[in-house]
Amino acid sequence: MALRSRFPAAVDAVTAPLGRGLGRTGVSPNTLTTLGLLLPAAAAVLVALQRFHLAALVLIAGGMMDVLDGSVARATERSTPFGGFYDSVSDRISDGLMLGGIAWAVLDQPRLLALALVALVAAFLPSYVRAKAESIDLDCSVGVLERAERAMLIIAALLFHPWLFEPVLWLLAIGGTVTVIQRIHHVWCQIARDVPEELLALALHDRAWSRAFKKAARRFYGERNFDGAVDGLVEQAQAAEPAERDGGRVERRPTSIEVARGDEDPGYAR
């Protein structure tokens, strides 16, 4: 879950003892994963029947199973490639069932139905984008709305459905779409490509507007691509124009990090 990657120490402090305790009972991680799939399926049926409070409680229990299966696997040293695969697939199925149940519950409300369908698509795409990125050896774990946050929002919507149901659907739809865009951009930033020379020329200035531009360009093109392109441009300038010597002092060219942060010598490239 996303919370584990963001707060590993806090999550492990809570789940590790529970995992060790469950591990002593002999329960297998795959059994907990299966329960983590069946309970959300039951919650989805309850949502479709508009039994929102009961659905929230069942979904919380399902979420606990989803957290504890990994803890039990680590505590009992029973982590396997199939277990990770099964856990990931069951998560996708649970998301689909849950949001499908919400869509069914609002079938007679076109606006909420549209939001639920957008949220459903946006829940599947981030994991697909990540899987495709990792298949070409790229990292893709960014995003404002991942599965843990999505589950907590849905639980809150069910518990306080008269007030939070529609706002949460808006958050799921917009946040999921933003997460997809973030991940696509993150992959784009990691793939080597040329940065336009006109933009690089602007990066070698030392004015307030150019410093702001450098920060934005590094975020947009990716630090590795932007810094590498600036380094290449600086090297070309050094090769074309021998370093000037003034009283035995060799003028130092700025590094790409200094260029990108606007820390270069104010007298350079004005």
C-alpha atoms as a PDB file:
ATOM      1  CA  MET A   1       0.000   0.000   0.000  1.00  0.00           C
ATOM      2  CA  ALA A   2       1.093   3.572  -0.560  1.00  0.00           C
ATOM      3  CA  LEU A   3       1.216   4.342   3.154  1.00  0.00           C
ATOM      4  CA  ARG A   4       3.914   1.705   3.648  1.00  0.00           C
ATOM      5  CA  SER A   5       6.172   3.337   1.063  1.00  0.00           C
ATOM      6  CA  ARG A   6       5.651   6.786   2.600  1.00  0.00           C
ATOM      7  CA  PHE A   7       5.733   5.896   6.298  1.00  0.00           C
ATOM      8  CA  PRO A   8       7.435   2.480   6.472  1.00  0.00           C
ATOM      9  CA  ALA A   9       8.581   2.710  10.091  1.00  0.00           C
ATOM     10  CA  ALA A  10       5.161   3.768  11.423  1.00  0.00           C
ATOM     11  CA  VAL A  11       3.284   1.136   9.409  1.00  0.00           C
ATOM     12  CA  ASP A  12       5.700  -1.647  10.376  1.00  0.00           C
ATOM     13  CA  ALA A  13       5.502  -0.662  14.056  1.00  0.00           C
ATOM     14  CA  VAL A  14       1.764  -1.395  13.951  1.00  0.00           C
ATOM     15  CA  THR A  15       1.524  -4.283  11.495  1.00  0.00           C
ATOM     16  CA  ALA A  16       4.680  -6.287  12.266  1.00  0.00           C
ATOM     17  CA  PRO A  17       3.506  -7.501  15.732  1.00  0.00           C
ATOM     18  CA  LEU A  18       0.094  -8.382  14.288  1.00  0.00           C
ATOM     19  CA  GLY A  19       1.752 -10.252  11.451  1.00  0.00           C
ATOM     20  CA  ARG A  20       3.918 -12.248  13.849  1.00  0.00           C
ATOM     21  CA  GLY A  21       0.884 -13.092  15.977  1.00  0.00           C
ATOM     22  CA  LEU A  22      -1.187 -14.230  13.005  1.00  0.00           C
ATOM     23  CA  GLY A  23       1.774 -16.136  11.636  1.00  0.00           C
ATOM     24  CA  ARG A  24       1.879 -18.266  14.796  1.00  0.00           C
ATOM     25  CA  THR A  25      -1.713 -19.395  14.133  1.00  0.00           C
ATOM     26  CA  GLY A  26      -0.634 -20.993  10.865  1.00  0.00           C
ATOM     27  CA  VAL A  27      -2.782 -18.820   8.631  1.00  0.00           C
ATOM     28  CA  SER A  28      -1.218 -18.369   5.205  1.00  0.00           C
ATOM     29  CA  PRO A  29      -0.684 -14.981   3.524  1.00  0.00           C
ATOM     30  CA  ASN A  30      -2.699 -16.126   0.500  1.00  0.00           C
ATOM     31  CA  THR A  31      -5.655 -16.920   2.765  1.00  0.00           C
ATOM     32  CA  LEU A  32      -5.594 -13.345   4.057  1.00  0.00           C
ATOM     33  CA  THR A  33      -5.300 -12.058   0.485  1.00  0.00           C
ATOM     34  CA  THR A  34      -8.363 -14.086  -0.455  1.00  0.00           C
ATOM     35  CA  LEU A  35     -10.277 -12.629   2.488  1.00  0.00           C
ATOM     36  CA  GLY A  36      -9.046  -9.204   1.366  1.00  0.00           C
ATOM     37  CA  LEU A  37     -10.777  -9.886  -1.935  1.00  0.00           C
ATOM     38  CA  LEU A  38     -14.013 -11.467  -0.638  1.00  0.00           C
ATOM     39  CA  LEU A  39     -14.734  -8.814   1.983  1.00  0.00           C
ATOM     40  CA  PRO A  40     -14.568  -5.867  -0.471  1.00  0.00           C
ATOM     41  CA  ALA A  41     -16.754  -7.911  -2.834  1.00  0.00           C
ATOM     42  CA  ALA A  42     -19.324  -8.235  -0.047  1.00  0.00           C
ATOM     43  CA  ALA A  43     -18.966  -4.519   0.686  1.00  0.00           C
ATOM     44  CA  ALA A  44     -19.608  -3.732  -2.980  1.00  0.00           C
ATOM     45  CA  VAL A  45     -22.873  -5.693  -2.842  1.00  0.00           C
ATOM     46  CA  LEU A  46     -23.896  -3.810   0.299  1.00  0.00           C
ATOM     47  CA  VAL A  47     -23.102  -0.480  -1.383  1.00  0.00           C
ATOM     48  CA  ALA A  48     -25.215  -1.460  -4.391  1.00  0.00           C
ATOM     49  CA  LEU A  49     -28.029  -2.162  -1.922  1.00  0.00           C
ATOM     50  CA  GLN A  50     -27.312   1.237  -0.298  1.00  0.00           C
ATOM     51  CA  ARG A  51     -26.352  -0.280   3.043  1.00  0.00           C
ATOM     52  CA  PHE A  52     -23.538   2.238   3.306  1.00  0.00           C
ATOM     53  CA  HIS A  53     -22.595   2.032   6.996  1.00  0.00           C
ATOM     54  CA  LEU A  54     -22.410  -1.750   7.022  1.00  0.00           C
ATOM     55  CA  ALA A  55     -20.452  -1.665   3.765  1.00  0.00           C
ATOM     56  CA  ALA A  56     -17.904   0.693   5.353  1.00  0.00           C
ATOM     57  CA  LEU A  57     -17.333  -1.709   8.272  1.00  0.00           C
ATOM     58  CA  VAL A  58     -16.892  -4.695   5.944  1.00  0.00           C
ATOM     59  CA  LEU A  59     -14.526  -2.663   3.764  1.00  0.00           C
ATOM     60  CA  ILE A  60     -12.416  -1.729   6.810  1.00  0.00           C
ATOM     61  CA  ALA A  61     -12.111  -5.438   7.660  1.00  0.00           C
ATOM     62  CA  GLY A  62     -11.100  -6.153   4.068  1.00  0.00           C
ATOM     63  CA  GLY A  63      -8.502  -3.409   4.203  1.00  0.00           C
ATOM     64  CA  MET A  64      -6.999  -4.956   7.336  1.00  0.00           C
ATOM     65  CA  MET A  65      -6.645  -8.273   5.513  1.00  0.00           C
ATOM     66  CA  ASP A  66      -4.922  -6.460   2.651  1.00  0.00           C
ATOM     67  CA  VAL A  67      -2.432  -4.914   5.078  1.00  0.00           C
ATOM     68  CA  LEU A  68      -1.800  -8.024   7.135  1.00  0.00           C
ATOM     69  CA  ASP A  69      -1.168 -10.509   4.316  1.00  0.00           C
ATOM     70  CA  GLY A  70       2.178  -8.877   3.580  1.00  0.00           C
ATOM     71  CA  SER A  71       3.039  -8.639   7.285  1.00  0.00           C
ATOM     72  CA  VAL A  72       2.354 -12.346   7.777  1.00  0.00           C
ATOM     73  CA  ALA A  73       4.399 -13.199   4.678  1.00  0.00           C
ATOM     74  CA  ARG A  74       7.370 -11.233   6.003  1.00  0.00           C
ATOM     75  CA  ALA A  75       7.027 -12.560   9.564  1.00  0.00           C
ATOM     76  CA  THR A  76       6.861 -16.190   8.438  1.00  0.00           C
ATOM     77  CA  GLU A  77       9.315 -15.780   5.547  1.00  0.00           C
ATOM     78  CA  ARG A  78       6.684 -17.031   3.117  1.00  0.00           C
ATOM     79  CA  SER A  79       6.921 -14.236   0.583  1.00  0.00           C
ATOM     80  CA  THR A  80       6.723 -15.654  -2.939  1.00  0.00           C
ATOM     81  CA  PRO A  81       6.497 -14.147  -6.433  1.00  0.00           C
ATOM     82  CA  PHE A  82       3.019 -15.631  -6.821  1.00  0.00           C
ATOM     83  CA  GLY A  83       1.939 -14.111  -3.507  1.00  0.00           C
ATOM     84  CA  GLY A  84       2.914 -10.639  -4.702  1.00  0.00           C
ATOM     85  CA  PHE A  85       1.202 -11.246  -8.035  1.00  0.00           C
ATOM     86  CA  TYR A  86      -1.957 -12.561  -6.370  1.00  0.00           C
ATOM     87  CA  ASP A  87      -2.062  -9.612  -3.966  1.00  0.00           C
ATOM     88  CA  SER A  88      -1.720  -7.098  -6.810  1.00  0.00           C
ATOM     89  CA  VAL A  89      -4.411  -8.762  -8.943  1.00  0.00           C
ATOM     90  CA  SER A  90      -6.815  -9.049  -6.003  1.00  0.00           C
ATOM     91  CA  ASP A  91      -6.328  -5.347  -5.268  1.00  0.00           C
ATOM     92  CA  ARG A  92      -7.371  -4.458  -8.824  1.00  0.00           C
ATOM     93  CA  ILE A  93     -10.420  -6.736  -8.622  1.00  0.00           C
ATOM     94  CA  SER A  94     -11.421  -5.247  -5.263  1.00  0.00           C
ATOM     95  CA  ASP A  95     -11.145  -1.705  -6.648  1.00  0.00           C
ATOM     96  CA  GLY A  96     -13.266  -2.607  -9.642  1.00  0.00           C
ATOM     97  CA  LEU A  97     -15.960  -4.286  -7.537  1.00  0.00           C
ATOM     98  CA  MET A  98     -16.088  -1.444  -5.020  1.00  0.00           C
ATOM     99  CA  LEU A  99     -16.387   1.338  -7.562  1.00  0.00           C
ATOM    100  CA  GLY A 100     -18.755  -0.801  -9.613  1.00  0.00           C
ATOM    101  CA  GLY A 101     -20.989  -1.109  -6.557  1.00  0.00           C
ATOM    102  CA  ILE A 102     -20.902   2.649  -6.089  1.00  0.00           C
ATOM    103  CA  ALA A 103     -21.819   3.153  -9.760  1.00  0.00           C
ATOM    104  CA  TRP A 104     -24.765   0.805  -9.354  1.00  0.00           C
ATOM    105  CA  ALA A 105     -25.928   2.658  -6.233  1.00  0.00           C
ATOM    106  CA  VAL A 106     -26.058   5.978  -8.139  1.00  0.00           C
ATOM    107  CA  LEU A 107     -27.406   4.559 -11.392  1.00  0.00           C
ATOM    108  CA  ASP A 108     -30.341   6.980 -11.364  1.00  0.00           C
ATOM    109  CA  GLN A 109     -28.102  10.046 -10.767  1.00  0.00           C
ATOM    110  CA  PRO A 110     -26.257  10.848 -14.025  1.00  0.00           C
ATOM    111  CA  ARG A 111     -23.692  13.227 -12.513  1.00  0.00           C
ATOM    112  CA  LEU A 112     -22.663  10.836  -9.744  1.00  0.00           C
ATOM    113  CA  LEU A 113     -22.691   7.922 -12.168  1.00  0.00           C
ATOM    114  CA  ALA A 114     -20.319   9.767 -14.505  1.00  0.00           C
ATOM    115  CA  LEU A 115     -17.991  10.568 -11.587  1.00  0.00           C
ATOM    116  CA  ALA A 116     -18.037   6.951 -10.414  1.00  0.00           C
ATOM    117  CA  LEU A 117     -17.151   5.682 -13.897  1.00  0.00           C
ATOM    118  CA  VAL A 118     -14.300   8.184 -14.263  1.00  0.00           C
ATOM    119  CA  ALA A 119     -13.044   7.163 -10.812  1.00  0.00           C
ATOM    120  CA  LEU A 120     -13.249   3.508 -11.867  1.00  0.00           C
ATOM    121  CA  VAL A 121     -11.099   4.066 -14.960  1.00  0.00           C
ATOM    122  CA  ALA A 122      -8.702   6.324 -13.020  1.00  0.00           C
ATOM    123  CA  ALA A 123      -8.293   3.601 -10.371  1.00  0.00           C
ATOM    124  CA  PHE A 124      -7.039   1.055 -12.922  1.00  0.00           C
ATOM    125  CA  LEU A 125      -4.761   3.239 -15.045  1.00  0.00           C
ATOM    126  CA  PRO A 126      -2.113   4.182 -12.427  1.00  0.00           C
ATOM    127  CA  SER A 127      -1.244   0.547 -11.742  1.00  0.00           C
ATOM    128  CA  TYR A 128      -1.150  -0.177 -15.485  1.00  0.00           C
ATOM    129  CA  VAL A 129       1.161   2.775 -16.138  1.00  0.00           C
ATOM    130  CA  ARG A 130       3.429   1.681 -13.290  1.00  0.00           C
ATOM    131  CA  ALA A 131       3.561  -1.904 -14.550  1.00  0.00           C
ATOM    132  CA  LYS A 132       4.471  -0.766 -18.068  1.00  0.00           C
ATOM    133  CA  ALA A 133       7.130   1.595 -16.709  1.00  0.00           C
ATOM    134  CA  GLU A 134       8.689  -1.092 -14.540  1.00  0.00           C
ATOM    135  CA  SER A 135       8.706  -3.464 -17.535  1.00  0.00           C
ATOM    136  CA  ILE A 136      11.235  -1.107 -19.156  1.00  0.00           C
ATOM    137  CA  ASP A 137      13.216  -0.677 -15.908  1.00  0.00           C
ATOM    138  CA  LEU A 138      11.854   2.734 -14.947  1.00  0.00           C
ATOM    139  CA  ASP A 139      10.561   3.906 -11.575  1.00  0.00           C
ATOM    140  CA  CYS A 140       6.930   5.025 -11.406  1.00  0.00           C
ATOM    141  CA  SER A 141       5.659   5.230  -7.828  1.00  0.00           C
ATOM    142  CA  VAL A 142       4.555   8.872  -7.783  1.00  0.00           C
ATOM    143  CA  GLY A 143       1.012  10.181  -7.525  1.00  0.00           C
ATOM    144  CA  VAL A 144      -1.303  12.219  -5.327  1.00  0.00           C
ATOM    145  CA  LEU A 145      -3.912   9.467  -5.025  1.00  0.00           C
ATOM    146  CA  GLU A 146      -2.869   5.840  -4.664  1.00  0.00           C
ATOM    147  CA  ARG A 147      -4.794   2.834  -3.435  1.00  0.00           C
ATOM    148  CA  ALA A 148      -4.512   3.439   0.317  1.00  0.00           C
ATOM    149  CA  GLU A 149      -5.739   7.031   0.016  1.00  0.00           C
ATOM    150  CA  ARG A 150      -8.517   5.927  -2.330  1.00  0.00           C
ATOM    151  CA  ALA A 151      -9.706   3.261   0.129  1.00  0.00           C
ATOM    152  CA  MET A 152      -9.758   5.712   3.035  1.00  0.00           C
ATOM    153  CA  LEU A 153     -11.745   8.223   0.997  1.00  0.00           C
ATOM    154  CA  ILE A 154     -14.311   5.589   0.031  1.00  0.00           C
ATOM    155  CA  ILE A 155     -14.689   4.488   3.666  1.00  0.00           C
ATOM    156  CA  ALA A 156     -15.220   8.113   4.712  1.00  0.00           C
ATOM    157  CA  ALA A 157     -17.790   8.567   1.930  1.00  0.00           C
ATOM    158  CA  LEU A 158     -19.717   5.506   3.079  1.00  0.00           C
ATOM    159  CA  LEU A 159     -19.649   6.426   6.756  1.00  0.00           C
ATOM    160  CA  PHE A 160     -20.762  10.014   6.087  1.00  0.00           C
ATOM    161  CA  HIS A 161     -22.600   9.493   2.812  1.00  0.00           C
ATOM    162  CA  PRO A 162     -25.213  12.251   3.226  1.00  0.00           C
ATOM    163  CA  TRP A 163     -22.422  14.859   3.245  1.00  0.00           C
ATOM    164  CA  LEU A 164     -19.268  13.335   1.726  1.00  0.00           C
ATOM    165  CA  PHE A 165     -20.486  10.957  -0.979  1.00  0.00           C
ATOM    166  CA  GLU A 166     -20.403  13.372  -3.913  1.00  0.00           C
ATOM    167  CA  PRO A 167     -17.303  15.337  -2.773  1.00  0.00           C
ATOM    168  CA  VAL A 168     -15.382  12.060  -2.439  1.00  0.00           C
ATOM    169  CA  LEU A 169     -16.437  10.984  -5.929  1.00  0.00           C
ATOM    170  CA  TRP A 170     -15.101  14.286  -7.253  1.00  0.00           C
ATOM    171  CA  LEU A 171     -11.832  13.706  -5.383  1.00  0.00           C
ATOM    172  CA  LEU A 172     -11.539  10.158  -6.712  1.00  0.00           C
ATOM    173  CA  ALA A 173     -12.215  11.227 -10.291  1.00  0.00           C
ATOM    174  CA  ILE A 174      -9.937  14.270 -10.298  1.00  0.00           C
ATOM    175  CA  GLY A 175      -7.222  12.815  -8.067  1.00  0.00           C
ATOM    176  CA  GLY A 176      -7.085   9.599 -10.069  1.00  0.00           C
ATOM    177  CA  THR A 177      -6.796  11.497 -13.344  1.00  0.00           C
ATOM    178  CA  VAL A 178      -4.043  13.715 -11.933  1.00  0.00           C
ATOM    179  CA  THR A 179      -2.179  10.626 -10.706  1.00  0.00           C
ATOM    180  CA  VAL A 180      -2.265   9.104 -14.194  1.00  0.00           C
ATOM    181  CA  ILE A 181      -0.881  12.328 -15.677  1.00  0.00           C
ATOM    182  CA  GLN A 182       1.811  12.516 -12.970  1.00  0.00           C
ATOM    183  CA  ARG A 183       2.964   8.974 -13.676  1.00  0.00           C
ATOM    184  CA  ILE A 184       3.056   9.433 -17.438  1.00  0.00           C
ATOM    185  CA  HIS A 185       5.071  12.622 -16.981  1.00  0.00           C
ATOM    186  CA  HIS A 186       7.383  10.898 -14.482  1.00  0.00           C
ATOM    187  CA  VAL A 187       8.157   8.192 -17.029  1.00  0.00           C
ATOM    188  CA  TRP A 188       8.657  10.825 -19.733  1.00  0.00           C
ATOM    189  CA  CYS A 189      11.190  12.597 -17.509  1.00  0.00           C
ATOM    190  CA  GLN A 190      13.248   9.407 -17.150  1.00  0.00           C
ATOM    191  CA  ILE A 191      13.527   8.669 -20.866  1.00  0.00           C
ATOM    192  CA  ALA A 192      16.589  10.219 -22.521  1.00  0.00           C
ATOM    193  CA  ARG A 193      15.711  12.834 -25.155  1.00  0.00           C
ATOM    194  CA  ASP A 194      16.897  16.162 -26.510  1.00  0.00           C
ATOM    195  CA  VAL A 195      15.989  19.406 -24.759  1.00  0.00           C
ATOM    196  CA  PRO A 196      15.506  22.251 -27.294  1.00  0.00           C
ATOM    197  CA  GLU A 197      18.663  24.357 -27.643  1.00  0.00           C
ATOM    198  CA  GLU A 198      16.646  27.566 -27.439  1.00  0.00           C
ATOM    199  CA  LEU A 199      15.504  26.608 -23.956  1.00  0.00           C
ATOM    200  CA  LEU A 200      19.020  25.638 -22.912  1.00  0.00           C
ATOM    201  CA  ALA A 201      20.316  29.019 -24.045  1.00  0.00           C
ATOM    202  CA  LEU A 202      17.820  30.684 -21.718  1.00  0.00           C
ATOM    203  CA  ALA A 203      19.090  28.514 -18.860  1.00  0.00           C
ATOM    204  CA  LEU A 204      22.552  30.082 -19.078  1.00  0.00           C
ATOM    205  CA  HIS A 205      21.344  33.546 -18.110  1.00  0.00           C
ATOM    206  CA  ASP A 206      21.454  34.854 -14.558  1.00  0.00           C
ATOM    207  CA  ARG A 207      18.328  36.903 -14.146  1.00  0.00           C
ATOM    208  CA  ALA A 208      15.400  36.447 -11.805  1.00  0.00           C
ATOM    209  CA  TRP A 209      13.120  35.223 -14.602  1.00  0.00           C
ATOM    210  CA  SER A 210      15.725  32.749 -15.871  1.00  0.00           C
ATOM    211  CA  ARG A 211      16.232  31.241 -12.407  1.00  0.00           C
ATOM    212  CA  ALA A 212      12.499  30.597 -12.161  1.00  0.00           C
ATOM    213  CA  PHE A 213      12.577  29.143 -15.668  1.00  0.00           C
ATOM    214  CA  LYS A 214      15.399  26.762 -14.733  1.00  0.00           C
ATOM    215  CA  LYS A 215      13.491  25.344 -11.785  1.00  0.00           C
ATOM    216  CA  ALA A 216      10.377  24.839 -13.903  1.00  0.00           C
ATOM    217  CA  ALA A 217      12.369  23.310 -16.778  1.00  0.00           C
ATOM    218  CA  ARG A 218      14.110  20.817 -14.464  1.00  0.00           C
ATOM    219  CA  ARG A 219      10.752  19.661 -13.126  1.00  0.00           C
ATOM    220  CA  PHE A 220       9.205  19.460 -16.591  1.00  0.00           C
ATOM    221  CA  TYR A 221      12.036  17.732 -18.469  1.00  0.00           C
ATOM    222  CA  GLY A 222      13.398  15.793 -15.505  1.00  0.00           C
ATOM    223  CA  GLU A 223      16.572  16.608 -13.592  1.00  0.00           C
ATOM    224  CA  ARG A 224      18.678  13.975 -15.330  1.00  0.00           C
ATOM    225  CA  ASN A 225      17.721  15.098 -18.834  1.00  0.00           C
ATOM    226  CA  PHE A 226      17.878  18.825 -18.161  1.00  0.00           C
ATOM    227  CA  ASP A 227      21.143  18.753 -16.193  1.00  0.00           C
ATOM    228  CA  GLY A 228      22.773  16.494 -18.769  1.00  0.00           C
ATOM    229  CA  ALA A 229      21.747  18.774 -21.613  1.00  0.00           C
ATOM    230  CA  VAL A 230      23.058  21.861 -19.792  1.00  0.00           C
ATOM    231  CA  ASP A 231      26.355  20.064 -19.095  1.00  0.00           C
ATOM    232  CA  GLY A 232      26.643  19.266 -22.790  1.00  0.00           C
ATOM    233  CA  LEU A 233      26.039  22.885 -23.749  1.00  0.00           C
ATOM    234  CA  VAL A 234      28.631  24.113 -21.235  1.00  0.00           C
ATOM    235  CA  GLU A 235      31.189  21.615 -22.544  1.00  0.00           C
ATOM    236  CA  GLN A 236      30.566  22.803 -26.099  1.00  0.00           C
ATOM    237  CA  ALA A 237      31.112  26.389 -25.001  1.00  0.00           C
ATOM    238  CA  GLN A 238      34.346  25.428 -23.246  1.00  0.00           C
ATOM    239  CA  ALA A 239      35.628  23.604 -26.315  1.00  0.00           C
ATOM    240  CA  ALA A 240      34.742  26.462 -28.680  1.00  0.00           C
ATOM    241  CA  GLU A 241      36.110  29.260 -26.544  1.00  0.00           C
ATOM    242  CA  PRO A 242      39.312  28.585 -24.556  1.00  0.00           C
ATOM    243  CA  ALA A 243      39.036  29.622 -20.943  1.00  0.00           C
ATOM    244  CA  GLU A 244      40.039  33.212 -20.372  1.00  0.00           C
ATOM    245  CA  ARG A 245      42.892  33.807 -17.992  1.00  0.00           C
ATOM    246  CA  ASP A 246      43.046  36.957 -15.911  1.00  0.00           C
ATOM    247  CA  GLY A 247      46.161  37.268 -13.759  1.00  0.00           C
ATOM    248  CA  GLY A 248      46.704  33.513 -13.820  1.00  0.00           C
ATOM    249  CA  ARG A 249      43.110  32.799 -12.785  1.00  0.00           C
ATOM    250  CA  VAL A 250      41.079  30.460 -14.992  1.00  0.00           C
ATOM    251  CA  GLU A 251      37.428  31.384 -15.273  1.00  0.00           C
ATOM    252  CA  ARG A 252      35.313  28.577 -13.875  1.00  0.00           C
ATOM    253  CA  ARG A 253      32.290  27.410 -15.844  1.00  0.00           C
ATOM    254  CA  PRO A 254      29.221  26.581 -13.745  1.00  0.00           C
ATOM    255  CA  THR A 255      28.036  23.023 -13.288  1.00  0.00           C
ATOM    256  CA  SER A 256      24.568  21.973 -14.413  1.00  0.00           C
ATOM    257  CA  ILE A 257      23.331  21.973 -10.805  1.00  0.00           C
ATOM    258  CA  GLU A 258      24.561  25.537 -10.318  1.00  0.00           C
ATOM    259  CA  VAL A 259      23.023  26.563 -13.633  1.00  0.00           C
ATOM    260  CA  ALA A 260      19.697  24.977 -12.806  1.00  0.00           C
ATOM    261  CA  ARG A 261      19.573  26.538  -9.360  1.00  0.00           C
ATOM    262  CA  GLY A 262      20.740  29.938 -10.524  1.00  0.00           C
ATOM    263  CA  ASP A 263      23.931  29.801  -8.437  1.00  0.00           C
ATOM    264  CA  GLU A 264      26.359  30.492 -11.278  1.00  0.00           C
ATOM    265  CA  ASP A 265      28.815  33.359 -11.330  1.00  0.00           C
ATOM    266  CA  PRO A 266      26.794  36.546 -11.999  1.00  0.00           C
ATOM    267  CA  GLY A 267      29.372  37.580 -14.566  1.00  0.00           C
ATOM    268  CA  TYR A 268      28.917  34.460 -16.676  1.00  0.00           C
ATOM    269  CA  ALA A 269      26.863  34.320 -19.900  1.00  0.00           C
ATOM    270  CA  ARG A 270      25.111  37.654 -19.548  1.00  0.00           C
END
